Amino acid sequence: MMIAWVAYALTALVATLVAGNNLSAVAGTLIGSRILSQKAGALLGSVGYVIGLWAQGERLRSAVSYTLPEVGYFSVLVLGISVVLFTAALWFRAPLSLTMALVASSVGVSLRVGYNLNVAFVFVVVLTWVLAPLTSALVAPFLYRAFVAKRVDYVWRTLRGYRILLVAVSFFTAYTLGANTLGLVASVAGYSLFTRSLVSVCAVFGSFLLSRGVVKRVGSEMYAMSLPVALVSLVASSSLVEVATQFSVPLSNTQTLTASVFGLGLSKGFRMIRPLPFLVIALTWALTPVVGVLLGYALA
């Protein structure tokens, strides 16, 4: 029973950290451009998180069953490792993918205890982690040229149109994060009415408590995010995450969003981006699965 409560406590902590940290990607541009206030942005994000979790979070249950034994201690271990890695990444201001940490540490635990891993599924997940950011980086510039630069529709010509679309896309981004990342968190702890409710409450709490300074995150620190750039980046990244959710594949919004911003920056010339933050992030993405597997294997 004690292990179960520890798992719930860690689940609450992870959900709070993820919701607060990712609000930058969801509503940072909205808040920074004063389309929404800080509280309104946090409200939009938290509502999207909760709806996404309850509507599609169950799809991530299979991802956990394929990679982690149904033992309470192992859930605690995986969640604990993820908290450590996530906190370390925050210290270095690198947007670590929580889904990478959760899945990689689960694989490490399973390898140590001899659990019958679904190797094919793990291969698909790893392949997705590679191809999804590349796709996002390639698609974002195409979308920008097709729908923004050419102004093919009158909606794109008005600032009001940008604002309305950006609010809608930001909500969709929060929805996909709730369905995929928070759905994965709830599944690791045992997908139930209680865990979903716990994750929902903590997502709202984290959105409001940890969202101070939300404007200077991810895209705003690496690229001068205009409204059209922010809009296209969010469309490209959140669409890929939603597709991954439909196939029960864990995929981080941070990965796809950062890649889309990078792709747009490259399309406008290297002088428009600061390469160092992207290199740090790429290194973090490369190391997280390795460290997660090693820690899971060593501590199981």
C-alpha atoms as a PDB file:
ATOM      1  CA  MET A   1       0.000   0.000   0.000  1.00  0.00           C
ATOM      2  CA  MET A   2       2.877   2.318   0.817  1.00  0.00           C
ATOM      3  CA  ILE A   3       4.349   1.772  -2.659  1.00  0.00           C
ATOM      4  CA  ALA A   4       1.033   2.744  -4.228  1.00  0.00           C
ATOM      5  CA  TRP A   5       0.941   6.042  -2.340  1.00  0.00           C
ATOM      6  CA  VAL A   6       4.537   6.799  -3.285  1.00  0.00           C
ATOM      7  CA  ALA A   7       3.600   6.156  -6.910  1.00  0.00           C
ATOM      8  CA  TYR A   8       0.675   8.553  -6.601  1.00  0.00           C
ATOM      9  CA  ALA A   9       2.893  11.213  -5.037  1.00  0.00           C
ATOM     10  CA  LEU A  10       5.431  10.911  -7.838  1.00  0.00           C
ATOM     11  CA  THR A  11       2.650  10.954 -10.421  1.00  0.00           C
ATOM     12  CA  ALA A  12       1.344  14.184  -8.926  1.00  0.00           C
ATOM     13  CA  LEU A  13       4.820  15.714  -8.998  1.00  0.00           C
ATOM     14  CA  VAL A  14       5.488  14.681 -12.595  1.00  0.00           C
ATOM     15  CA  ALA A  15       2.102  15.949 -13.789  1.00  0.00           C
ATOM     16  CA  THR A  16       2.644  19.284 -12.041  1.00  0.00           C
ATOM     17  CA  LEU A  17       6.123  19.748 -13.514  1.00  0.00           C
ATOM     18  CA  VAL A  18       5.078  18.745 -17.016  1.00  0.00           C
ATOM     19  CA  ALA A  19       2.009  20.974 -17.078  1.00  0.00           C
ATOM     20  CA  GLY A  20       3.863  24.007 -15.767  1.00  0.00           C
ATOM     21  CA  ASN A  21       6.955  23.564 -17.898  1.00  0.00           C
ATOM     22  CA  ASN A  22       5.084  22.878 -21.132  1.00  0.00           C
ATOM     23  CA  LEU A  23       2.750  25.819 -20.738  1.00  0.00           C
ATOM     24  CA  SER A  24       5.563  27.828 -22.321  1.00  0.00           C
ATOM     25  CA  ALA A  25       5.146  25.899 -25.561  1.00  0.00           C
ATOM     26  CA  VAL A  26       1.359  26.009 -25.364  1.00  0.00           C
ATOM     27  CA  ALA A  27       0.685  29.643 -24.469  1.00  0.00           C
ATOM     28  CA  GLY A  28       4.041  31.434 -24.375  1.00  0.00           C
ATOM     29  CA  THR A  29       3.422  33.404 -27.572  1.00  0.00           C
ATOM     30  CA  LEU A  30      -0.160  34.205 -26.574  1.00  0.00           C
ATOM     31  CA  ILE A  31       0.984  35.620 -23.249  1.00  0.00           C
ATOM     32  CA  GLY A  32       4.083  37.336 -24.598  1.00  0.00           C
ATOM     33  CA  SER A  33       2.133  39.136 -27.329  1.00  0.00           C
ATOM     34  CA  ARG A  34      -0.596  40.012 -24.795  1.00  0.00           C
ATOM     35  CA  ILE A  35      -3.304  38.237 -26.710  1.00  0.00           C
ATOM     36  CA  LEU A  36      -4.095  36.515 -23.422  1.00  0.00           C
ATOM     37  CA  SER A  37      -3.185  37.391 -19.864  1.00  0.00           C
ATOM     38  CA  GLN A  38      -1.031  35.101 -17.749  1.00  0.00           C
ATOM     39  CA  LYS A  39      -4.083  33.633 -16.010  1.00  0.00           C
ATOM     40  CA  ALA A  40      -6.062  33.248 -19.230  1.00  0.00           C
ATOM     41  CA  GLY A  41      -3.144  31.468 -20.873  1.00  0.00           C
ATOM     42  CA  ALA A  42      -2.810  29.124 -17.915  1.00  0.00           C
ATOM     43  CA  LEU A  43      -6.548  28.459 -18.012  1.00  0.00           C
ATOM     44  CA  LEU A  44      -6.476  27.671 -21.733  1.00  0.00           C
ATOM     45  CA  GLY A  45      -3.563  25.295 -21.262  1.00  0.00           C
ATOM     46  CA  SER A  46      -4.967  23.503 -18.239  1.00  0.00           C
ATOM     47  CA  VAL A  47      -8.391  22.982 -19.838  1.00  0.00           C
ATOM     48  CA  GLY A  48      -6.714  21.567 -22.943  1.00  0.00           C
ATOM     49  CA  TYR A  49      -4.570  19.247 -20.832  1.00  0.00           C
ATOM     50  CA  VAL A  50      -7.535  17.862 -18.934  1.00  0.00           C
ATOM     51  CA  ILE A  51      -9.786  17.374 -21.957  1.00  0.00           C
ATOM     52  CA  GLY A  52      -6.993  15.659 -23.885  1.00  0.00           C
ATOM     53  CA  LEU A  53      -6.222  13.342 -20.983  1.00  0.00           C
ATOM     54  CA  TRP A  54      -9.814  12.225 -20.519  1.00  0.00           C
ATOM     55  CA  ALA A  55     -10.632  12.029 -24.221  1.00  0.00           C
ATOM     56  CA  GLN A  56      -7.589  10.120 -25.509  1.00  0.00           C
ATOM     57  CA  GLY A  57      -5.220   9.397 -22.626  1.00  0.00           C
ATOM     58  CA  GLU A  58      -6.325   5.775 -22.510  1.00  0.00           C
ATOM     59  CA  ARG A  59      -4.581   5.163 -25.833  1.00  0.00           C
ATOM     60  CA  LEU A  60      -1.224   5.298 -24.039  1.00  0.00           C
ATOM     61  CA  ARG A  61      -2.064   2.361 -21.762  1.00  0.00           C
ATOM     62  CA  SER A  62      -0.787  -0.103 -24.316  1.00  0.00           C
ATOM     63  CA  ALA A  63       2.543   1.748 -24.514  1.00  0.00           C
ATOM     64  CA  VAL A  64       3.088   1.046 -20.819  1.00  0.00           C
ATOM     65  CA  SER A  65       1.935  -2.577 -20.983  1.00  0.00           C
ATOM     66  CA  TYR A  66       4.369  -3.191 -23.846  1.00  0.00           C
ATOM     67  CA  THR A  67       7.369  -1.831 -21.940  1.00  0.00           C
ATOM     68  CA  LEU A  68       6.841  -2.148 -18.168  1.00  0.00           C
ATOM     69  CA  PRO A  69       5.756  -4.985 -15.833  1.00  0.00           C
ATOM     70  CA  GLU A  70       2.616  -4.303 -13.803  1.00  0.00           C
ATOM     71  CA  VAL A  71       4.439  -4.076 -10.493  1.00  0.00           C
ATOM     72  CA  GLY A  72       4.029  -1.081  -8.203  1.00  0.00           C
ATOM     73  CA  TYR A  73       7.701  -0.839  -7.319  1.00  0.00           C
ATOM     74  CA  PHE A  74       8.685  -0.606 -10.977  1.00  0.00           C
ATOM     75  CA  SER A  75       6.211   2.215 -11.552  1.00  0.00           C
ATOM     76  CA  VAL A  76       7.736   4.113  -8.624  1.00  0.00           C
ATOM     77  CA  LEU A  77      11.207   3.509 -10.000  1.00  0.00           C
ATOM     78  CA  VAL A  78      10.337   4.721 -13.504  1.00  0.00           C
ATOM     79  CA  LEU A  79       8.562   7.811 -12.215  1.00  0.00           C
ATOM     80  CA  GLY A  80      11.428   8.574  -9.828  1.00  0.00           C
ATOM     81  CA  ILE A  81      14.047   8.305 -12.567  1.00  0.00           C
ATOM     82  CA  SER A  82      11.967  10.565 -14.788  1.00  0.00           C
ATOM     83  CA  VAL A  83      11.707  13.208 -12.055  1.00  0.00           C
ATOM     84  CA  VAL A  84      15.485  13.177 -11.590  1.00  0.00           C
ATOM     85  CA  LEU A  85      16.174  13.497 -15.318  1.00  0.00           C
ATOM     86  CA  PHE A  86      13.513  16.145 -15.773  1.00  0.00           C
ATOM     87  CA  THR A  87      14.856  18.215 -12.880  1.00  0.00           C
ATOM     88  CA  ALA A  88      18.419  17.927 -14.177  1.00  0.00           C
ATOM     89  CA  ALA A  89      17.302  19.132 -17.607  1.00  0.00           C
ATOM     90  CA  LEU A  90      15.532  22.113 -16.065  1.00  0.00           C
ATOM     91  CA  TRP A  91      18.749  23.022 -14.301  1.00  0.00           C
ATOM     92  CA  PHE A  92      20.536  23.191 -17.660  1.00  0.00           C
ATOM     93  CA  ARG A  93      17.508  24.874 -19.283  1.00  0.00           C
ATOM     94  CA  ALA A  94      17.222  22.088 -21.865  1.00  0.00           C
ATOM     95  CA  PRO A  95      13.650  20.965 -22.681  1.00  0.00           C
ATOM     96  CA  LEU A  96      13.939  17.262 -21.910  1.00  0.00           C
ATOM     97  CA  SER A  97      11.321  14.909 -23.299  1.00  0.00           C
ATOM     98  CA  LEU A  98       9.513  13.311 -20.379  1.00  0.00           C
ATOM     99  CA  THR A  99       8.132  10.628 -22.668  1.00  0.00           C
ATOM    100  CA  MET A 100      11.691   9.630 -23.544  1.00  0.00           C
ATOM    101  CA  ALA A 101      12.615   9.356 -19.866  1.00  0.00           C
ATOM    102  CA  LEU A 102       9.533   7.304 -18.994  1.00  0.00           C
ATOM    103  CA  VAL A 103       9.801   4.899 -21.916  1.00  0.00           C
ATOM    104  CA  ALA A 104      13.586   4.495 -21.741  1.00  0.00           C
ATOM    105  CA  SER A 105      13.652   3.792 -18.002  1.00  0.00           C
ATOM    106  CA  SER A 106      10.765   1.332 -18.464  1.00  0.00           C
ATOM    107  CA  VAL A 107      12.770  -0.504 -21.103  1.00  0.00           C
ATOM    108  CA  GLY A 108      15.789  -0.598 -18.807  1.00  0.00           C
ATOM    109  CA  VAL A 109      13.724  -2.070 -15.969  1.00  0.00           C
ATOM    110  CA  SER A 110      12.185  -4.683 -18.250  1.00  0.00           C
ATOM    111  CA  LEU A 111      15.558  -5.740 -19.632  1.00  0.00           C
ATOM    112  CA  ARG A 112      16.874  -6.220 -16.099  1.00  0.00           C
ATOM    113  CA  VAL A 113      13.957  -8.307 -14.810  1.00  0.00           C
ATOM    114  CA  GLY A 114      13.478 -10.303 -18.005  1.00  0.00           C
ATOM    115  CA  TYR A 115      10.070  -8.896 -18.883  1.00  0.00           C
ATOM    116  CA  ASN A 116       8.747  -9.872 -22.300  1.00  0.00           C
ATOM    117  CA  LEU A 117       9.194  -6.541 -24.080  1.00  0.00           C
ATOM    118  CA  ASN A 118       7.297  -5.815 -27.240  1.00  0.00           C
ATOM    119  CA  VAL A 119      10.447  -5.227 -29.275  1.00  0.00           C
ATOM    120  CA  ALA A 120       8.551  -4.228 -32.405  1.00  0.00           C
ATOM    121  CA  PHE A 121       6.696  -1.513 -30.491  1.00  0.00           C
ATOM    122  CA  VAL A 122       9.913  -0.193 -28.939  1.00  0.00           C
ATOM    123  CA  PHE A 123      11.453  -0.029 -32.403  1.00  0.00           C
ATOM    124  CA  VAL A 124       8.463   1.951 -33.704  1.00  0.00           C
ATOM    125  CA  VAL A 125       8.724   4.362 -30.774  1.00  0.00           C
ATOM    126  CA  VAL A 126      12.438   4.983 -31.304  1.00  0.00           C
ATOM    127  CA  LEU A 127      11.905   5.408 -35.035  1.00  0.00           C
ATOM    128  CA  THR A 128       9.145   7.911 -34.316  1.00  0.00           C
ATOM    129  CA  TRP A 129      11.448   9.870 -32.013  1.00  0.00           C
ATOM    130  CA  VAL A 130      13.838  10.253 -34.944  1.00  0.00           C
ATOM    131  CA  LEU A 131      11.420  10.791 -37.814  1.00  0.00           C
ATOM    132  CA  ALA A 132       8.824  13.021 -36.122  1.00  0.00           C
ATOM    133  CA  PRO A 133      11.228  15.917 -35.365  1.00  0.00           C
ATOM    134  CA  LEU A 134      12.692  15.648 -38.864  1.00  0.00           C
ATOM    135  CA  THR A 135       9.205  15.723 -40.357  1.00  0.00           C
ATOM    136  CA  SER A 136       8.242  18.684 -38.204  1.00  0.00           C
ATOM    137  CA  ALA A 137      11.353  20.590 -39.282  1.00  0.00           C
ATOM    138  CA  LEU A 138      10.594  19.930 -42.949  1.00  0.00           C
ATOM    139  CA  VAL A 139       6.848  20.513 -42.845  1.00  0.00           C
ATOM    140  CA  ALA A 140       6.879  23.801 -40.899  1.00  0.00           C
ATOM    141  CA  PRO A 141       8.710  25.847 -43.591  1.00  0.00           C
ATOM    142  CA  PHE A 142       6.421  24.374 -46.258  1.00  0.00           C
ATOM    143  CA  LEU A 143       3.331  25.407 -44.297  1.00  0.00           C
ATOM    144  CA  TYR A 144       4.761  28.858 -43.756  1.00  0.00           C
ATOM    145  CA  ARG A 145       5.399  29.391 -47.466  1.00  0.00           C
ATOM    146  CA  ALA A 146       2.073  27.898 -48.505  1.00  0.00           C
ATOM    147  CA  PHE A 147      -0.283  29.595 -46.070  1.00  0.00           C
ATOM    148  CA  VAL A 148       1.474  32.584 -44.563  1.00  0.00           C
ATOM    149  CA  ALA A 149       3.963  34.091 -46.980  1.00  0.00           C
ATOM    150  CA  LYS A 150       1.583  33.864 -49.960  1.00  0.00           C
ATOM    151  CA  ARG A 151      -1.462  35.079 -48.018  1.00  0.00           C
ATOM    152  CA  VAL A 152      -3.775  32.691 -49.835  1.00  0.00           C
ATOM    153  CA  ASP A 153      -6.707  33.508 -47.611  1.00  0.00           C
ATOM    154  CA  TYR A 154      -7.976  36.808 -46.264  1.00  0.00           C
ATOM    155  CA  VAL A 155      -7.894  35.452 -42.710  1.00  0.00           C
ATOM    156  CA  TRP A 156      -4.108  35.412 -42.831  1.00  0.00           C
ATOM    157  CA  ARG A 157      -4.016  39.090 -43.735  1.00  0.00           C
ATOM    158  CA  THR A 158      -5.462  40.361 -40.480  1.00  0.00           C
ATOM    159  CA  LEU A 159      -3.885  40.444 -37.072  1.00  0.00           C
ATOM    160  CA  ARG A 160      -7.212  39.414 -35.618  1.00  0.00           C
ATOM    161  CA  GLY A 161      -7.241  36.321 -37.784  1.00  0.00           C
ATOM    162  CA  TYR A 162      -3.799  35.348 -36.537  1.00  0.00           C
ATOM    163  CA  ARG A 163      -4.887  35.807 -32.953  1.00  0.00           C
ATOM    164  CA  ILE A 164      -8.005  33.679 -33.269  1.00  0.00           C
ATOM    165  CA  LEU A 165      -6.151  30.898 -35.058  1.00  0.00           C
ATOM    166  CA  LEU A 166      -3.268  31.019 -32.586  1.00  0.00           C
ATOM    167  CA  VAL A 167      -5.640  30.637 -29.644  1.00  0.00           C
ATOM    168  CA  ALA A 168      -7.309  27.658 -31.315  1.00  0.00           C
ATOM    169  CA  VAL A 169      -4.007  25.977 -32.221  1.00  0.00           C
ATOM    170  CA  SER A 170      -2.566  26.625 -28.759  1.00  0.00           C
ATOM    171  CA  PHE A 171      -5.562  24.875 -27.237  1.00  0.00           C
ATOM    172  CA  PHE A 172      -5.082  21.957 -29.616  1.00  0.00           C
ATOM    173  CA  THR A 173      -1.427  21.768 -28.589  1.00  0.00           C
ATOM    174  CA  ALA A 174      -2.450  21.549 -24.936  1.00  0.00           C
ATOM    175  CA  TYR A 175      -5.002  18.891 -25.868  1.00  0.00           C
ATOM    176  CA  THR A 176      -2.403  16.718 -27.604  1.00  0.00           C
ATOM    177  CA  LEU A 177       0.001  17.050 -24.682  1.00  0.00           C
ATOM    178  CA  GLY A 178      -2.740  16.016 -22.285  1.00  0.00           C
ATOM    179  CA  ALA A 179      -3.647  13.018 -24.429  1.00  0.00           C
ATOM    180  CA  ASN A 180      -0.098  11.813 -25.057  1.00  0.00           C
ATOM    181  CA  THR A 181       2.278  12.888 -22.281  1.00  0.00           C
ATOM    182  CA  LEU A 182      -0.175  13.123 -19.387  1.00  0.00           C
ATOM    183  CA  GLY A 183      -1.932  10.001 -20.642  1.00  0.00           C
ATOM    184  CA  LEU A 184       1.415   8.204 -20.430  1.00  0.00           C
ATOM    185  CA  VAL A 185       2.031   9.500 -16.897  1.00  0.00           C
ATOM    186  CA  ALA A 186      -1.398   8.332 -15.732  1.00  0.00           C
ATOM    187  CA  SER A 187      -0.833   4.955 -17.394  1.00  0.00           C
ATOM    188  CA  VAL A 188       2.494   4.353 -15.651  1.00  0.00           C
ATOM    189  CA  ALA A 189       0.782   4.804 -12.297  1.00  0.00           C
ATOM    190  CA  GLY A 190      -2.103   2.549 -13.357  1.00  0.00           C
ATOM    191  CA  TYR A 191      -4.722   4.098 -15.586  1.00  0.00           C
ATOM    192  CA  SER A 192      -7.769   4.492 -13.360  1.00  0.00           C
ATOM    193  CA  LEU A 193     -10.373   7.047 -12.408  1.00  0.00           C
ATOM    194  CA  PHE A 194      -8.238   8.075  -9.449  1.00  0.00           C
ATOM    195  CA  THR A 195      -4.992   8.526 -11.403  1.00  0.00           C
ATOM    196  CA  ARG A 196      -6.749  10.477 -14.137  1.00  0.00           C
ATOM    197  CA  SER A 197      -8.350  12.739 -11.542  1.00  0.00           C
ATOM    198  CA  LEU A 198      -5.031  13.178  -9.746  1.00  0.00           C
ATOM    199  CA  VAL A 199      -3.179  14.044 -12.959  1.00  0.00           C
ATOM    200  CA  SER A 200      -5.959  16.451 -13.964  1.00  0.00           C
ATOM    201  CA  VAL A 201      -5.851  18.356 -10.673  1.00  0.00           C
ATOM    202  CA  CYS A 202      -2.063  18.548 -10.740  1.00  0.00           C
ATOM    203  CA  ALA A 203      -2.045  19.684 -14.373  1.00  0.00           C
ATOM    204  CA  VAL A 204      -4.268  22.618 -13.464  1.00  0.00           C
ATOM    205  CA  PHE A 205      -2.172  23.338 -10.374  1.00  0.00           C
ATOM    206  CA  GLY A 206       1.081  23.231 -12.342  1.00  0.00           C
ATOM    207  CA  SER A 207      -0.278  25.447 -15.115  1.00  0.00           C
ATOM    208  CA  PHE A 208      -1.018  28.260 -12.705  1.00  0.00           C
ATOM    209  CA  LEU A 209       1.749  27.734 -10.148  1.00  0.00           C
ATOM    210  CA  LEU A 210       4.729  27.112 -12.416  1.00  0.00           C
ATOM    211  CA  SER A 211       3.898  29.347 -15.370  1.00  0.00           C
ATOM    212  CA  ARG A 212       5.666  32.515 -14.239  1.00  0.00           C
ATOM    213  CA  GLY A 213       8.243  33.603 -16.777  1.00  0.00           C
ATOM    214  CA  VAL A 214       6.532  31.410 -19.338  1.00  0.00           C
ATOM    215  CA  VAL A 215       7.233  33.745 -22.243  1.00  0.00           C
ATOM    216  CA  LYS A 216      10.993  33.102 -22.360  1.00  0.00           C
ATOM    217  CA  ARG A 217      10.960  29.441 -23.226  1.00  0.00           C
ATOM    218  CA  VAL A 218      11.763  27.141 -26.124  1.00  0.00           C
ATOM    219  CA  GLY A 219      10.910  29.110 -29.283  1.00  0.00           C
ATOM    220  CA  SER A 220      11.049  32.608 -27.810  1.00  0.00           C
ATOM    221  CA  GLU A 221      14.613  32.062 -26.609  1.00  0.00           C
ATOM    222  CA  MET A 222      15.846  30.476 -29.832  1.00  0.00           C
ATOM    223  CA  TYR A 223      13.961  32.303 -32.539  1.00  0.00           C
ATOM    224  CA  ALA A 224      12.178  35.622 -32.791  1.00  0.00           C
ATOM    225  CA  MET A 225       8.685  34.140 -32.768  1.00  0.00           C
ATOM    226  CA  SER A 226       6.243  36.258 -34.748  1.00  0.00           C
ATOM    227  CA  LEU A 227       2.578  35.272 -34.638  1.00  0.00           C
ATOM    228  CA  PRO A 228       2.681  33.501 -38.041  1.00  0.00           C
ATOM    229  CA  VAL A 229       5.838  31.583 -37.084  1.00  0.00           C
ATOM    230  CA  ALA A 230       4.349  30.541 -33.749  1.00  0.00           C
ATOM    231  CA  LEU A 231       1.129  29.486 -35.434  1.00  0.00           C
ATOM    232  CA  VAL A 232       2.801  27.337 -38.093  1.00  0.00           C
ATOM    233  CA  SER A 233       5.170  25.766 -35.547  1.00  0.00           C
ATOM    234  CA  LEU A 234       2.324  24.746 -33.275  1.00  0.00           C
ATOM    235  CA  VAL A 235       0.246  23.361 -36.157  1.00  0.00           C
ATOM    236  CA  ALA A 236       3.112  21.205 -37.436  1.00  0.00           C
ATOM    237  CA  SER A 237       4.179  19.908 -34.025  1.00  0.00           C
ATOM    238  CA  SER A 238       0.772  19.250 -32.452  1.00  0.00           C
ATOM    239  CA  SER A 239      -0.522  17.505 -35.571  1.00  0.00           C
ATOM    240  CA  LEU A 240       2.331  15.000 -35.406  1.00  0.00           C
ATOM    241  CA  VAL A 241       1.712  14.352 -31.714  1.00  0.00           C
ATOM    242  CA  GLU A 242      -1.967  13.746 -32.384  1.00  0.00           C
ATOM    243  CA  VAL A 243      -1.118  11.231 -35.116  1.00  0.00           C
ATOM    244  CA  ALA A 244       1.265   9.465 -32.722  1.00  0.00           C
ATOM    245  CA  THR A 245      -1.473   9.341 -30.066  1.00  0.00           C
ATOM    246  CA  GLN A 246      -3.815   7.608 -32.481  1.00  0.00           C
ATOM    247  CA  PHE A 247      -1.243   4.809 -32.767  1.00  0.00           C
ATOM    248  CA  SER A 248      -0.544   4.749 -28.992  1.00  0.00           C
ATOM    249  CA  VAL A 249       3.028   5.963 -29.545  1.00  0.00           C
ATOM    250  CA  PRO A 250       4.506   8.269 -26.877  1.00  0.00           C
ATOM    251  CA  LEU A 251       5.815  11.442 -28.527  1.00  0.00           C
ATOM    252  CA  SER A 252       6.847  14.703 -26.917  1.00  0.00           C
ATOM    253  CA  ASN A 253       5.417  18.058 -27.973  1.00  0.00           C
ATOM    254  CA  THR A 254       8.763  19.568 -27.005  1.00  0.00           C
ATOM    255  CA  GLN A 255      10.576  17.508 -29.627  1.00  0.00           C
ATOM    256  CA  THR A 256       8.281  18.321 -32.501  1.00  0.00           C
ATOM    257  CA  LEU A 257       7.829  21.995 -31.565  1.00  0.00           C
ATOM    258  CA  THR A 258      11.553  22.647 -31.181  1.00  0.00           C
ATOM    259  CA  ALA A 259      12.226  20.908 -34.491  1.00  0.00           C
ATOM    260  CA  SER A 260       9.580  22.969 -36.312  1.00  0.00           C
ATOM    261  CA  VAL A 261      11.034  26.193 -34.919  1.00  0.00           C
ATOM    262  CA  PHE A 262      14.489  25.077 -36.017  1.00  0.00           C
ATOM    263  CA  GLY A 263      13.220  24.215 -39.497  1.00  0.00           C
ATOM    264  CA  LEU A 264      11.623  27.630 -39.864  1.00  0.00           C
ATOM    265  CA  GLY A 265      14.798  29.290 -38.637  1.00  0.00           C
ATOM    266  CA  LEU A 266      16.909  27.447 -41.193  1.00  0.00           C
ATOM    267  CA  SER A 267      14.513  28.356 -43.973  1.00  0.00           C
ATOM    268  CA  LYS A 268      15.113  32.030 -43.157  1.00  0.00           C
ATOM    269  CA  GLY A 269      18.883  31.721 -42.854  1.00  0.00           C
ATOM    270  CA  PHE A 270      21.264  30.740 -40.079  1.00  0.00           C
ATOM    271  CA  ARG A 271      21.470  34.322 -38.861  1.00  0.00           C
ATOM    272  CA  MET A 272      17.868  34.108 -37.715  1.00  0.00           C
ATOM    273  CA  ILE A 273      18.555  31.369 -35.159  1.00  0.00           C
ATOM    274  CA  ARG A 274      20.952  30.727 -32.309  1.00  0.00           C
ATOM    275  CA  PRO A 275      22.454  27.266 -32.922  1.00  0.00           C
ATOM    276  CA  LEU A 276      23.826  26.611 -29.425  1.00  0.00           C
ATOM    277  CA  PRO A 277      20.456  26.049 -27.682  1.00  0.00           C
ATOM    278  CA  PHE A 278      19.430  23.621 -30.413  1.00  0.00           C
ATOM    279  CA  LEU A 279      22.685  21.703 -30.074  1.00  0.00           C
ATOM    280  CA  VAL A 280      22.141  21.417 -26.315  1.00  0.00           C
ATOM    281  CA  ILE A 281      18.617  20.150 -26.907  1.00  0.00           C
ATOM    282  CA  ALA A 282      19.735  17.627 -29.522  1.00  0.00           C
ATOM    283  CA  LEU A 283      22.389  16.342 -27.143  1.00  0.00           C
ATOM    284  CA  THR A 284      19.757  16.060 -24.402  1.00  0.00           C
ATOM    285  CA  TRP A 285      17.490  14.046 -26.692  1.00  0.00           C
ATOM    286  CA  ALA A 286      20.348  11.725 -27.609  1.00  0.00           C
ATOM    287  CA  LEU A 287      21.451  11.151 -24.020  1.00  0.00           C
ATOM    288  CA  THR A 288      18.053  10.843 -22.326  1.00  0.00           C
ATOM    289  CA  PRO A 289      17.108   7.398 -23.731  1.00  0.00           C
ATOM    290  CA  VAL A 290      20.584   6.026 -23.007  1.00  0.00           C
ATOM    291  CA  VAL A 291      20.685   7.356 -19.443  1.00  0.00           C
ATOM    292  CA  GLY A 292      17.091   6.276 -18.844  1.00  0.00           C
ATOM    293  CA  VAL A 293      17.767   2.683 -19.949  1.00  0.00           C
ATOM    294  CA  LEU A 294      20.970   2.501 -17.889  1.00  0.00           C
ATOM    295  CA  LEU A 295      19.334   3.865 -14.734  1.00  0.00           C
ATOM    296  CA  GLY A 296      16.302   1.620 -15.131  1.00  0.00           C
ATOM    297  CA  TYR A 297      18.532  -1.411 -15.614  1.00  0.00           C
ATOM    298  CA  ALA A 298      20.860  -0.539 -12.741  1.00  0.00           C
ATOM    299  CA  LEU A 299      18.178   0.252 -10.166  1.00  0.00           C
ATOM    300  CA  ALA A 300      15.622  -2.474 -10.952  1.00  0.00           C
END
